[in-house]
Each structure stands twice: as C-alpha cells, then as structure tokens.
C-alpha atoms as a PDB file:
ATOM      1  CA  UNK A   1     122.328 104.371  85.487  1.00  0.00           C
ATOM      2  CA  UNK A   2     122.711 101.674  88.113  1.00  0.00           C
ATOM      3  CA  UNK A   3     120.130  98.891  87.736  1.00  0.00           C
ATOM      4  CA  UNK A   4     117.941  98.660  90.821  1.00  0.00           C
ATOM      5  CA  UNK A   5     119.060 101.994  92.284  1.00  0.00           C
ATOM      6  CA  UNK A   6     116.240 104.144  93.665  1.00  0.00           C
ATOM      7  CA  UNK A   7     115.924 107.312  91.595  1.00  0.00           C
ATOM      8  CA  UNK A   8     113.175 109.299  93.259  1.00  0.00           C
ATOM      9  CA  UNK A   9     112.885 113.003  93.681  1.00  0.00           C
ATOM     10  CA  UNK A  10     112.552 114.443  97.183  1.00  0.00           C
ATOM     11  CA  UNK A  11     108.806 114.695  96.561  1.00  0.00           C
ATOM     12  CA  UNK A  12     108.821 111.053  95.481  1.00  0.00           C
ATOM     13  CA  UNK A  13     110.446 109.975  98.742  1.00  0.00           C
ATOM     14  CA  UNK A  14     107.827 111.931 100.697  1.00  0.00           C
ATOM     15  CA  UNK A  15     105.094 110.115  98.766  1.00  0.00           C
ATOM     16  CA  UNK A  16     106.816 106.748  99.228  1.00  0.00           C
ATOM     17  CA  UNK A  17     106.648 107.202 102.999  1.00  0.00           C
ATOM     18  CA  UNK A  18     102.848 107.034 102.755  1.00  0.00           C
ATOM     19  CA  UNK A  19     102.643 104.422 100.006  1.00  0.00           C
ATOM     20  CA  UNK A  20     104.767 101.841 101.817  1.00  0.00           C
ATOM     21  CA  UNK A  21     102.585 102.187 104.933  1.00  0.00           C
ATOM     22  CA  UNK A  22      99.453 101.747 102.815  1.00  0.00           C
ATOM     23  CA  UNK A  23     100.553  98.411 101.321  1.00  0.00           C
ATOM     24  CA  UNK A  24      98.970  95.628 103.413  1.00  0.00           C
ATOM     25  CA  UNK A  25     101.517  93.512 105.256  1.00  0.00           C
ATOM     26  CA  UNK A  26     100.440  90.230 103.650  1.00  0.00           C
ATOM     27  CA  UNK A  27     100.698  91.562 100.075  1.00  0.00           C
ATOM     28  CA  UNK A  28     102.510  89.341  97.575  1.00  0.00           C
ATOM     29  CA  UNK A  29     101.698  90.845  94.145  1.00  0.00           C
ATOM     30  CA  UNK A  30     101.642  94.462  92.924  1.00  0.00           C
ATOM     31  CA  UNK A  31     100.821  95.993  89.546  1.00  0.00           C
ATOM     32  CA  UNK A  32     102.061  99.532  88.951  1.00  0.00           C
ATOM     33  CA  UNK A  33     100.212 101.498  86.282  1.00  0.00           C
ATOM     34  CA  UNK A  34     102.480 104.229  84.917  1.00  0.00           C
ATOM     35  CA  UNK A  35     105.832 102.941  86.134  1.00  0.00           C
ATOM     36  CA  UNK A  36     107.725 105.956  84.772  1.00  0.00           C
ATOM     37  CA  UNK A  37     111.479 105.452  84.975  1.00  0.00           C
ATOM     38  CA  UNK A  38     111.136 102.709  87.582  1.00  0.00           C
ATOM     39  CA  UNK A  39     111.843 104.788  90.686  1.00  0.00           C
ATOM     40  CA  UNK A  40     109.190 103.130  92.838  1.00  0.00           C
ATOM     41  CA  UNK A  41     109.266  99.859  90.922  1.00  0.00           C
ATOM     42  CA  UNK A  42     112.959  99.342  91.703  1.00  0.00           C
ATOM     43  CA  UNK A  43     111.997  99.286  95.398  1.00  0.00           C
ATOM     44  CA  UNK A  44     108.748  97.322  95.177  1.00  0.00           C
ATOM     45  CA  UNK A  45     110.234  94.627  92.951  1.00  0.00           C
ATOM     46  CA  UNK A  46     112.644  93.634  95.708  1.00  0.00           C
ATOM     47  CA  UNK A  47     109.842  92.627  98.069  1.00  0.00           C
ATOM     48  CA  UNK A  48     106.849  91.736  95.882  1.00  0.00           C
ATOM     49  CA  UNK A  49     105.853  89.936  92.701  1.00  0.00           C
ATOM     50  CA  UNK A  50     105.967  93.165  90.702  1.00  0.00           C
ATOM     51  CA  UNK A  51     104.719  94.109  87.239  1.00  0.00           C
ATOM     52  CA  UNK A  52     105.060  97.644  85.879  1.00  0.00           C
ATOM     53  CA  UNK A  53     103.338  99.147  82.841  1.00  0.00           C
ATOM     54  CA  UNK A  54     104.864 102.134  81.039  1.00  0.00           C
ATOM     55  CA  UNK A  55     103.892 103.119  77.469  1.00  0.00           C
ATOM     56  CA  UNK A  56     106.530 105.837  76.952  1.00  0.00           C
ATOM     57  CA  UNK A  57     109.601 104.350  75.249  1.00  0.00           C
ATOM     58  CA  UNK A  58     112.303 106.353  77.043  1.00  0.00           C
ATOM     59  CA  UNK A  59     110.757 105.891  80.477  1.00  0.00           C
ATOM     60  CA  UNK A  60     110.146 102.199  79.803  1.00  0.00           C
ATOM     61  CA  UNK A  61     113.799 101.619  78.901  1.00  0.00           C
ATOM     62  CA  UNK A  62     114.953 103.389  82.061  1.00  0.00           C
ATOM     63  CA  UNK A  63     112.522 101.355  84.182  1.00  0.00           C
ATOM     64  CA  UNK A  64     113.651  98.126  82.554  1.00  0.00           C
ATOM     65  CA  UNK A  65     117.277  98.898  83.392  1.00  0.00           C
ATOM     66  CA  UNK A  66     116.542  99.873  86.992  1.00  0.00           C
ATOM     67  CA  UNK A  67     114.220  97.008  87.847  1.00  0.00           C
ATOM     68  CA  UNK A  68     116.179  94.360  85.959  1.00  0.00           C
ATOM     69  CA  UNK A  69     115.354  90.777  86.844  1.00  0.00           C
ATOM     70  CA  UNK A  70     113.700  91.715  90.160  1.00  0.00           C
ATOM     71  CA  UNK A  71     110.363  92.284  88.429  1.00  0.00           C
ATOM     72  CA  UNK A  72     108.676  92.625  85.062  1.00  0.00           C
ATOM     73  CA  UNK A  73     108.106  95.789  83.036  1.00  0.00           C
ATOM     74  CA  UNK A  74     106.005  96.012  79.888  1.00  0.00           C
ATOM     75  CA  UNK A  75     105.814  98.820  77.362  1.00  0.00           C
ATOM     76  CA  UNK A  76     102.025  98.856  77.379  1.00  0.00           C
ATOM     77  CA  UNK A  77      99.073 101.035  78.202  1.00  0.00           C
ATOM     78  CA  UNK A  78      96.991  99.672  81.046  1.00  0.00           C
ATOM     79  CA  UNK A  79      94.005  99.010  78.776  1.00  0.00           C
ATOM     80  CA  UNK A  80      96.182  96.759  76.571  1.00  0.00           C
ATOM     81  CA  UNK A  81      97.496  94.611  79.413  1.00  0.00           C
ATOM     82  CA  UNK A  82      95.994  91.259  80.284  1.00  0.00           C
ATOM     83  CA  UNK A  83      97.468  89.057  82.944  1.00  0.00           C
ATOM     84  CA  UNK A  84      96.841  87.571  86.369  1.00  0.00           C
ATOM     85  CA  UNK A  85      94.962  89.557  89.007  1.00  0.00           C
ATOM     86  CA  UNK A  86      96.934  91.395  91.675  1.00  0.00           C
ATOM     87  CA  UNK A  87      96.453  92.025  95.363  1.00  0.00           C
ATOM     88  CA  UNK A  88      97.475  95.676  95.019  1.00  0.00           C
ATOM     89  CA  UNK A  89      97.348  98.090  92.083  1.00  0.00           C
ATOM     90  CA  UNK A  90      99.403 101.301  92.366  1.00  0.00           C
ATOM     91  CA  UNK A  91      98.959 104.312  90.106  1.00  0.00           C
ATOM     92  CA  UNK A  92     101.054 107.215  91.350  1.00  0.00           C
ATOM     93  CA  UNK A  93     100.730 110.622  89.663  1.00  0.00           C
ATOM     94  CA  UNK A  94      98.663 109.073  86.863  1.00  0.00           C
ATOM     95  CA  UNK A  95      95.002 109.911  87.512  1.00  0.00           C
ATOM     96  CA  UNK A  96      95.438 113.660  86.971  1.00  0.00           C
ATOM     97  CA  UNK A  97      96.552 112.919  83.386  1.00  0.00           C
ATOM     98  CA  UNK A  98      93.254 111.226  82.522  1.00  0.00           C
ATOM     99  CA  UNK A  99      90.230 113.281  81.547  1.00  0.00           C
ATOM    100  CA  UNK A 100      87.678 110.752  82.829  1.00  0.00           C
ATOM    101  CA  UNK A 101      89.296 109.675  86.068  1.00  0.00           C
ATOM    102  CA  UNK A 102      86.318 107.696  87.369  1.00  0.00           C
ATOM    103  CA  UNK A 103      86.181 105.594  84.184  1.00  0.00           C
ATOM    104  CA  UNK A 104      89.907 104.868  84.568  1.00  0.00           C
ATOM    105  CA  UNK A 105      89.463 103.767  88.179  1.00  0.00           C
ATOM    106  CA  UNK A 106      86.601 101.471  87.188  1.00  0.00           C
ATOM    107  CA  UNK A 107      88.781  99.950  84.472  1.00  0.00           C
ATOM    108  CA  UNK A 108      91.714  99.425  86.847  1.00  0.00           C
ATOM    109  CA  UNK A 109      89.503  97.306  89.117  1.00  0.00           C
ATOM    110  CA  UNK A 110      89.685  94.494  86.584  1.00  0.00           C
ATOM    111  CA  UNK A 111      93.315  93.879  87.564  1.00  0.00           C
ATOM    112  CA  UNK A 112      92.472  93.269  91.240  1.00  0.00           C
ATOM    113  CA  UNK A 113      91.536  90.090  93.074  1.00  0.00           C
ATOM    114  CA  UNK A 114      88.295  90.275  95.099  1.00  0.00           C
ATOM    115  CA  UNK A 115      89.084  92.307  98.177  1.00  0.00           C
ATOM    116  CA  UNK A 116      92.217  93.734  96.537  1.00  0.00           C
ATOM    117  CA  UNK A 117      93.514  97.238  97.215  1.00  0.00           C
ATOM    118  CA  UNK A 118      94.214 100.227  94.990  1.00  0.00           C
ATOM    119  CA  UNK A 119      96.705 102.921  95.974  1.00  0.00           C
ATOM    120  CA  UNK A 120      96.725 106.166  94.004  1.00  0.00           C
ATOM    121  CA  UNK A 121      98.483 109.488  94.417  1.00  0.00           C
ATOM    122  CA  UNK A 122      97.619 112.839  92.869  1.00  0.00           C
ATOM    123  CA  UNK A 123      98.726 116.481  93.184  1.00  0.00           C
ATOM    124  CA  UNK A 124      96.754 118.364  95.821  1.00  0.00           C
ATOM    125  CA  UNK A 125      95.024 121.732  95.767  1.00  0.00           C
ATOM    126  CA  UNK A 126      92.799 122.918  92.929  1.00  0.00           C
ATOM    127  CA  UNK A 127      93.983 126.504  93.461  1.00  0.00           C
ATOM    128  CA  UNK A 128      97.639 125.507  92.933  1.00  0.00           C
ATOM    129  CA  UNK A 129      97.127 124.427  89.326  1.00  0.00           C
ATOM    130  CA  UNK A 130      99.908 126.169  87.399  1.00  0.00           C
ATOM    131  CA  UNK A 131     102.900 125.924  85.050  1.00  0.00           C
ATOM    132  CA  UNK A 132     104.097 122.533  86.283  1.00  0.00           C
ATOM    133  CA  UNK A 133     100.645 121.018  85.806  1.00  0.00           C
ATOM    134  CA  UNK A 134     100.343 122.493  82.319  1.00  0.00           C
ATOM    135  CA  UNK A 135     103.805 121.277  81.319  1.00  0.00           C
ATOM    136  CA  UNK A 136     103.132 117.763  82.590  1.00  0.00           C
ATOM    137  CA  UNK A 137      99.762 117.379  80.902  1.00  0.00           C
ATOM    138  CA  UNK A 138      97.522 117.470  83.981  1.00  0.00           C
ATOM    139  CA  UNK A 139      93.783 117.909  83.657  1.00  0.00           C
ATOM    140  CA  UNK A 140      93.353 118.815  87.316  1.00  0.00           C
ATOM    141  CA  UNK A 141      94.644 118.874  90.872  1.00  0.00           C
ATOM    142  CA  UNK A 142      92.527 117.372  93.657  1.00  0.00           C
ATOM    143  CA  UNK A 143      91.042 118.249  96.997  1.00  0.00           C
ATOM    144  CA  UNK A 144      90.699 115.394  99.482  1.00  0.00           C
ATOM    145  CA  UNK A 145      86.967 115.082  98.860  1.00  0.00           C
ATOM    146  CA  UNK A 146      87.496 115.028  95.056  1.00  0.00           C
ATOM    147  CA  UNK A 147      89.718 111.969  95.265  1.00  0.00           C
ATOM    148  CA  UNK A 148      87.507 110.183  97.793  1.00  0.00           C
ATOM    149  CA  UNK A 149      84.438 110.823  95.626  1.00  0.00           C
ATOM    150  CA  UNK A 150      86.142 109.543  92.467  1.00  0.00           C
ATOM    151  CA  UNK A 151      87.090 106.288  94.192  1.00  0.00           C
ATOM    152  CA  UNK A 152      83.625 105.839  95.673  1.00  0.00           C
ATOM    153  CA  UNK A 153      81.932 106.597  92.346  1.00  0.00           C
ATOM    154  CA  UNK A 154      84.169 103.958  90.742  1.00  0.00           C
ATOM    155  CA  UNK A 155      82.843 101.345  93.169  1.00  0.00           C
ATOM    156  CA  UNK A 156      85.663 101.160  95.703  1.00  0.00           C
ATOM    157  CA  UNK A 157      85.110 100.805  99.449  1.00  0.00           C
ATOM    158  CA  UNK A 158      87.008 101.603 102.657  1.00  0.00           C
ATOM    159  CA  UNK A 159      88.479 104.772 101.161  1.00  0.00           C
ATOM    160  CA  UNK A 160      91.259 106.526 103.073  1.00  0.00           C
ATOM    161  CA  UNK A 161      92.874 109.749 101.820  1.00  0.00           C
ATOM    162  CA  UNK A 162      95.890 111.425 103.429  1.00  0.00           C
ATOM    163  CA  UNK A 163      97.953 114.492 102.617  1.00  0.00           C
ATOM    164  CA  UNK A 164     101.722 114.576 102.265  1.00  0.00           C
ATOM    165  CA  UNK A 165     104.443 117.076 101.430  1.00  0.00           C
ATOM    166  CA  UNK A 166     104.071 119.631 104.225  1.00  0.00           C
ATOM    167  CA  UNK A 167     106.030 121.836 104.545  1.00  0.00           C
ATOM    168  CA  UNK A 168     108.891 121.259 102.081  1.00  0.00           C
ATOM    169  CA  UNK A 169     106.557 120.345  99.236  1.00  0.00           C
ATOM    170  CA  UNK A 170     105.559 123.981  98.836  1.00  0.00           C
ATOM    171  CA  UNK A 171     109.157 124.966  98.150  1.00  0.00           C
ATOM    172  CA  UNK A 172     109.631 122.058  95.741  1.00  0.00           C
ATOM    173  CA  UNK A 173     106.442 123.001  93.900  1.00  0.00           C
ATOM    174  CA  UNK A 174     107.569 126.623  93.577  1.00  0.00           C
ATOM    175  CA  UNK A 175     110.936 125.560  92.139  1.00  0.00           C
ATOM    176  CA  UNK A 176     109.195 123.213  89.712  1.00  0.00           C
ATOM    177  CA  UNK A 177     106.932 126.041  88.528  1.00  0.00           C
ATOM    178  CA  UNK A 178     109.955 128.262  87.868  1.00  0.00           C
ATOM    179  CA  UNK A 179     111.576 125.504  85.800  1.00  0.00           C
ATOM    180  CA  UNK A 180     108.328 124.828  83.941  1.00  0.00           C
ATOM    181  CA  UNK A 181     108.053 128.488  82.907  1.00  0.00           C
ATOM    182  CA  UNK A 182     111.618 128.495  81.556  1.00  0.00           C
ATOM    183  CA  UNK A 183     111.529 125.333  79.504  1.00  0.00           C
ATOM    184  CA  UNK A 184     109.417 124.725  76.380  1.00  0.00           C
ATOM    185  CA  UNK A 185     106.650 122.188  76.726  1.00  0.00           C
ATOM    186  CA  UNK A 186     105.486 119.539  74.297  1.00  0.00           C
ATOM    187  CA  UNK A 187     102.764 120.514  71.857  1.00  0.00           C
ATOM    188  CA  UNK A 188     100.040 118.042  72.773  1.00  0.00           C
ATOM    189  CA  UNK A 189      98.493 116.752  75.990  1.00  0.00           C
ATOM    190  CA  UNK A 190      99.557 113.210  75.118  1.00  0.00           C
ATOM    191  CA  UNK A 191     103.180 114.249  74.549  1.00  0.00           C
ATOM    192  CA  UNK A 192     103.269 116.217  77.792  1.00  0.00           C
ATOM    193  CA  UNK A 193     101.886 113.238  79.695  1.00  0.00           C
ATOM    194  CA  UNK A 194     104.416 110.878  78.087  1.00  0.00           C
ATOM    195  CA  UNK A 195     107.320 113.096  79.128  1.00  0.00           C
ATOM    196  CA  UNK A 196     106.036 113.786  82.641  1.00  0.00           C
ATOM    197  CA  UNK A 197     107.762 110.728  84.130  1.00  0.00           C
ATOM    198  CA  UNK A 198     111.133 112.163  83.086  1.00  0.00           C
ATOM    199  CA  UNK A 199     110.523 115.683  84.418  1.00  0.00           C
ATOM    200  CA  UNK A 200     113.170 116.871  86.915  1.00  0.00           C
ATOM    201  CA  UNK A 201     114.424 113.388  87.721  1.00  0.00           C
ATOM    202  CA  UNK A 202     117.365 113.345  90.157  1.00  0.00           C
ATOM    203  CA  UNK A 203     120.968 112.539  89.352  1.00  0.00           C
ATOM    204  CA  UNK A 204     122.221 112.349  92.954  1.00  0.00           C
ATOM    205  CA  UNK A 205     119.983 109.670  94.412  1.00  0.00           C
ATOM    206  CA  UNK A 206     121.500 109.252  97.874  1.00  0.00           C
ATOM    207  CA  UNK A 207     121.561 113.023  98.396  1.00  0.00           C
ATOM    208  CA  UNK A 208     117.869 113.361  97.502  1.00  0.00           C
ATOM    209  CA  UNK A 209     116.896 110.630  99.947  1.00  0.00           C
ATOM    210  CA  UNK A 210     118.990 112.199 102.699  1.00  0.00           C
ATOM    211  CA  UNK A 211     117.256 115.545 102.165  1.00  0.00           C
ATOM    212  CA  UNK A 212     113.818 113.901 102.232  1.00  0.00           C
ATOM    213  CA  UNK A 213     114.361 111.720 105.312  1.00  0.00           C
ATOM    214  CA  UNK A 214     113.637 114.260 108.090  1.00  0.00           C
ATOM    215  CA  UNK A 215     110.658 115.645 106.179  1.00  0.00           C
ATOM    216  CA  UNK A 216     109.030 112.212 105.884  1.00  0.00           C
ATOM    217  CA  UNK A 217     108.629 112.285 109.652  1.00  0.00           C
ATOM    218  CA  UNK A 218     107.725 115.955 109.808  1.00  0.00           C
ATOM    219  CA  UNK A 219     104.826 115.548 107.374  1.00  0.00           C
ATOM    220  CA  UNK A 220     103.092 112.718 109.240  1.00  0.00           C
ATOM    221  CA  UNK A 221     101.246 114.819 111.881  1.00  0.00           C
ATOM    222  CA  UNK A 222      99.598 116.730 109.009  1.00  0.00           C
ATOM    223  CA  UNK A 223      98.295 113.736 107.040  1.00  0.00           C
ATOM    224  CA  UNK A 224      94.706 114.343 108.122  1.00  0.00           C
ATOM    225  CA  UNK A 225      94.780 118.059 107.262  1.00  0.00           C
ATOM    226  CA  UNK A 226      94.585 120.011 104.007  1.00  0.00           C
ATOM    227  CA  UNK A 227      98.248 120.987 104.319  1.00  0.00           C
ATOM    228  CA  UNK A 228     100.612 119.493 101.767  1.00  0.00           C
ATOM    229  CA  UNK A 229     101.145 119.340  98.021  1.00  0.00           C
ATOM    230  CA  UNK A 230     100.018 115.780  97.334  1.00  0.00           C
ATOM    231  CA  UNK A 231      97.398 113.203  98.264  1.00  0.00           C
ATOM    232  CA  UNK A 232      97.641 109.436  98.586  1.00  0.00           C
ATOM    233  CA  UNK A 233      94.514 107.308  98.756  1.00  0.00           C
ATOM    234  CA  UNK A 234      93.891 103.645  99.469  1.00  0.00           C
ATOM    235  CA  UNK A 235      90.623 101.853  98.754  1.00  0.00           C
ATOM    236  CA  UNK A 236      89.395  98.299  98.448  1.00  0.00           C
ATOM    237  CA  UNK A 237      87.299  96.277  96.041  1.00  0.00           C
ATOM    238  CA  UNK A 238      84.390  94.223  97.290  1.00  0.00           C
ATOM    239  CA  UNK A 239      85.449  90.810  98.565  1.00  0.00           C
ATOM    240  CA  UNK A 240      82.555  89.194  96.722  1.00  0.00           C
ATOM    241  CA  UNK A 241      78.823  88.577  96.953  1.00  0.00           C
END
C-alpha cells in the first residue's frame, strides 16, 4: 500500500465527482465519519484540515497508512469522539448501516459549527435492495425523498439531493451482487457493517480512476433524475438565532 494513494472503486470515483463539487469553496476543516480504508480521506487531507473516524481495526490501519501525516485518523465511533467543531461533516455510505438514521443525523450536528454543512451519500433505490446490501449490513436503500426527509427531520436546512452512477453503476451493482452471492457473509449486522469498508476494494488504483473518468461526466445530466445507483445530499445547520 502506498501512503496517500487514492484507492477508490469506480463507484467511489463517481461519488467523489459529486462530493467535491458539494464542498463549499471556503471550507477549511472536514470531519469524515466512517473513513473506511482512507480512500476519500487520502484526497481530502491534502486540501483541508481533515479528521477521519473509523472504528474497524483493519480499515483504520489502512486509512492511517494512506492518509499519513496529511490528516488525522482515530479508531473511534462517532459517538465517542469529542473535538473541535468542523465546517463540513462527511458520512459516505454510512447512514444505511444505522437503524435510526434520523437520530444519527441529529447526533452528527454536534460536530458542526453554526451554518456548517453535512454531506452524506447512500445507495439509491428501495427496489434494488439485494445480496450486496445484505452482505454489507444495510438496513435500507433510499429514494431521493427518503434522504431529503431524514435530513429535514433531523433539523437540517437547504437540503439538496442528487443522483449519481448512471449508467455504469447498474453494471457495477450487478457484478457486486454476483460476488455477494458467492462469498460467505459475516454472522451479525455489526460484523457485516465493520467489514463493508473493505468490500471489493481495488488493487489497480490508476486503472479504476481511468475507467471512471468518462462516466463522471456522463452521469452529470442525470443528477436531478431518479436514474443512478447512489444519492449524495448536502444540507446546512442553522447559522444561529
């Protein structure tokens, strides 16, 4: 493993195309909840004051190696972390692992400065729930209105939700489902969630990014439709009384 090297799947690069455009230009500090193996963190830490939280030991060690001295990574659950407030909180492919998603979103607000932004991503399409979701410990997949409602119910404002992953995401999801059917899954929901950050991680990083590059542009005209395999949302906390 090369410290600092991006290690995202093709689907991860498609998601990153939206996430990077959602981060406000004047942002200085970012907290990532569920840093996984540091794929996104290794990019964010180069440009921002970055802190990543990852409770799974194997994923944490991989993230620590990738991010190195560019940022900070802690082997902690979000609820056990206390530190300075951040301008942006990211939680990518995390919310679907939590049974009470609205309660989690409310709790995550405590890490934001007044007027701070949250960026979350989730798998899209309730009717596509299948082997991959079961193997990774998902409670649900989301429609656009589900995610917007959860953020609003948690007290966030200025909610924007976009789709990503059309059209190649459908192929990637089908391949993932085939792999999920073939491989044994962990016994408990907690174990499946812990291992989800290591599921189908790439070994050829440059190749994966090259494959994703044309599709990051192709997906953009469909961001305001229901086409795609994932959703990214951005919302804001109140700036004060």
